[in-house]
Amino acid sequence: MSEMSEAYAESDSARALFGISVTAELVGTGVQNLRAYERRGLLEPRRTPGGTRLYSQDDLTRLRRITTLLASGLNLAGVEAVLALEAENAVLRARLDRAQRRGARG
């Protein structure tokens, strides 16, 4: 596989592509909000060697979820709790799915 092909093979939803201004525009929020969410630990954009933040499609999805939760009346602490519970729920569902598949084979 050529270097060019390998670079394109990486272009999944986790690949960091967007700068902070573009990301803010895409999710309809301000640059300062993105920085605040990062300080709060709600997301962790990749950084270039020079320190520039880069956001992926996964980050955009998470930011849209944060925006939705804030619009529903939650504060950042509430958003943090909901996101943590959603992540925990996803882990538990994956475990349950694996256990059910093992049970169906056994």
Protein backbone atom coordinates (compact mmCIF):
# COMPACT_ATOMS: atom_id res chain seq x y z
CA MET A 1 0.00 0.00 0.00
CA SER A 2 1.43 3.40 -0.93
CA GLU A 3 1.85 6.22 1.57
CA MET A 4 -1.03 8.05 -0.10
CA SER A 5 -3.32 5.01 0.21
CA GLU A 6 -2.36 4.55 3.85
CA ALA A 7 -3.21 8.18 4.58
CA TYR A 8 -6.64 7.78 3.02
CA ALA A 9 -7.19 4.47 4.80
CA GLU A 10 -6.93 6.38 8.07
CA SER A 11 -9.77 8.72 7.11
CA ASP A 12 -12.29 7.31 9.54
CA SER A 13 -14.41 9.19 12.05
CA ALA A 14 -11.54 9.41 14.55
CA ARG A 15 -9.14 11.21 12.22
CA ALA A 16 -8.57 14.78 13.39
CA LEU A 17 -9.21 17.14 10.49
CA PHE A 18 -10.85 20.34 11.68
CA GLY A 19 -9.34 23.36 13.37
CA ILE A 20 -11.07 24.99 16.31
CA SER A 21 -12.75 27.79 14.30
CA VAL A 22 -14.19 25.40 11.72
CA THR A 23 -15.33 23.04 14.48
CA ALA A 24 -17.05 25.86 16.37
CA GLU A 25 -18.87 26.88 13.20
CA LEU A 26 -19.88 23.29 12.34
CA VAL A 27 -21.45 22.67 15.76
CA GLY A 28 -22.86 26.18 16.18
CA THR A 29 -20.96 27.25 19.26
CA GLY A 30 -18.11 29.56 20.13
CA VAL A 31 -14.41 28.84 20.22
CA GLN A 32 -14.33 29.75 23.92
CA ASN A 33 -17.00 27.11 24.61
CA LEU A 34 -14.85 24.46 22.93
CA ARG A 35 -11.91 25.47 25.11
CA ALA A 36 -14.15 25.35 28.20
CA TYR A 37 -15.40 21.86 27.31
CA GLU A 38 -11.81 20.73 26.90
CA ARG A 39 -10.80 22.23 30.27
CA ARG A 40 -13.76 20.43 31.82
CA GLY A 41 -12.60 17.14 30.29
CA LEU A 42 -15.68 16.72 28.09
CA LEU A 43 -13.52 16.16 25.02
CA GLU A 44 -9.86 15.90 24.16
CA PRO A 45 -8.96 17.11 20.68
CA ARG A 46 -5.70 16.03 19.15
CA ARG A 47 -2.88 18.54 19.01
CA THR A 48 -0.37 19.30 16.32
CA PRO A 49 3.29 19.50 17.39
CA GLY A 50 2.74 23.28 17.54
CA GLY A 51 -0.24 22.88 19.90
CA THR A 52 -3.08 23.60 17.46
CA ARG A 53 -6.26 21.74 18.33
CA LEU A 54 -7.64 19.38 15.69
CA TYR A 55 -11.10 17.84 15.91
CA SER A 56 -12.44 14.64 14.32
CA GLN A 57 -15.92 13.61 13.20
CA ASP A 58 -16.17 11.72 16.51
CA ASP A 59 -15.41 14.98 18.34
CA LEU A 60 -18.10 16.76 16.29
CA THR A 61 -20.62 14.07 17.23
CA ARG A 62 -19.71 14.43 20.91
CA LEU A 63 -19.91 18.22 20.68
CA ARG A 64 -23.36 18.00 19.12
CA ARG A 65 -24.42 15.76 22.01
CA ILE A 66 -23.02 18.28 24.50
CA THR A 67 -24.91 21.07 22.73
CA THR A 68 -28.15 19.07 22.86
CA LEU A 69 -27.74 18.36 26.57
CA LEU A 70 -26.99 22.01 27.33
CA ALA A 71 -30.02 23.10 25.30
CA SER A 72 -32.19 20.73 27.35
CA GLY A 73 -31.24 22.65 30.48
CA LEU A 74 -28.27 20.75 31.90
CA ASN A 75 -25.22 22.58 33.16
CA LEU A 76 -21.69 21.36 32.39
CA ALA A 77 -21.62 19.17 35.51
CA GLY A 78 -24.85 17.53 34.38
CA VAL A 79 -23.50 17.07 30.86
CA GLU A 80 -20.37 15.47 32.29
CA ALA A 81 -22.48 13.06 34.36
CA VAL A 82 -24.73 12.12 31.43
CA LEU A 83 -21.76 11.51 29.11
CA ALA A 84 -20.08 9.34 31.75
CA LEU A 85 -23.26 7.32 32.24
CA GLU A 86 -23.73 6.91 28.49
CA ALA A 87 -20.14 5.66 28.15
CA GLU A 88 -20.61 3.23 31.03
CA ASN A 89 -23.88 2.03 29.52
CA ALA A 90 -22.15 1.39 26.18
CA VAL A 91 -19.47 -0.70 27.90
CA LEU A 92 -22.07 -2.72 29.79
CA ARG A 93 -24.13 -3.30 26.64
CA ALA A 94 -21.04 -4.52 24.80
CA ARG A 95 -20.29 -6.94 27.65
CA LEU A 96 -23.87 -8.18 27.64
CA ASP A 97 -23.81 -8.67 23.87
CA ARG A 98 -20.58 -10.69 24.14
CA ALA A 99 -22.00 -12.80 26.95
CA GLN A 100 -25.20 -13.46 24.98
CA ARG A 101 -23.21 -14.49 21.90
CA ARG A 102 -21.09 -16.86 24.01
CA GLY A 103 -24.27 -18.29 25.53
CA ALA A 104 -25.86 -18.81 22.12
CA ARG A 105 -22.79 -20.73 20.92
CA GLY A 106 -22.41 -22.81 24.04
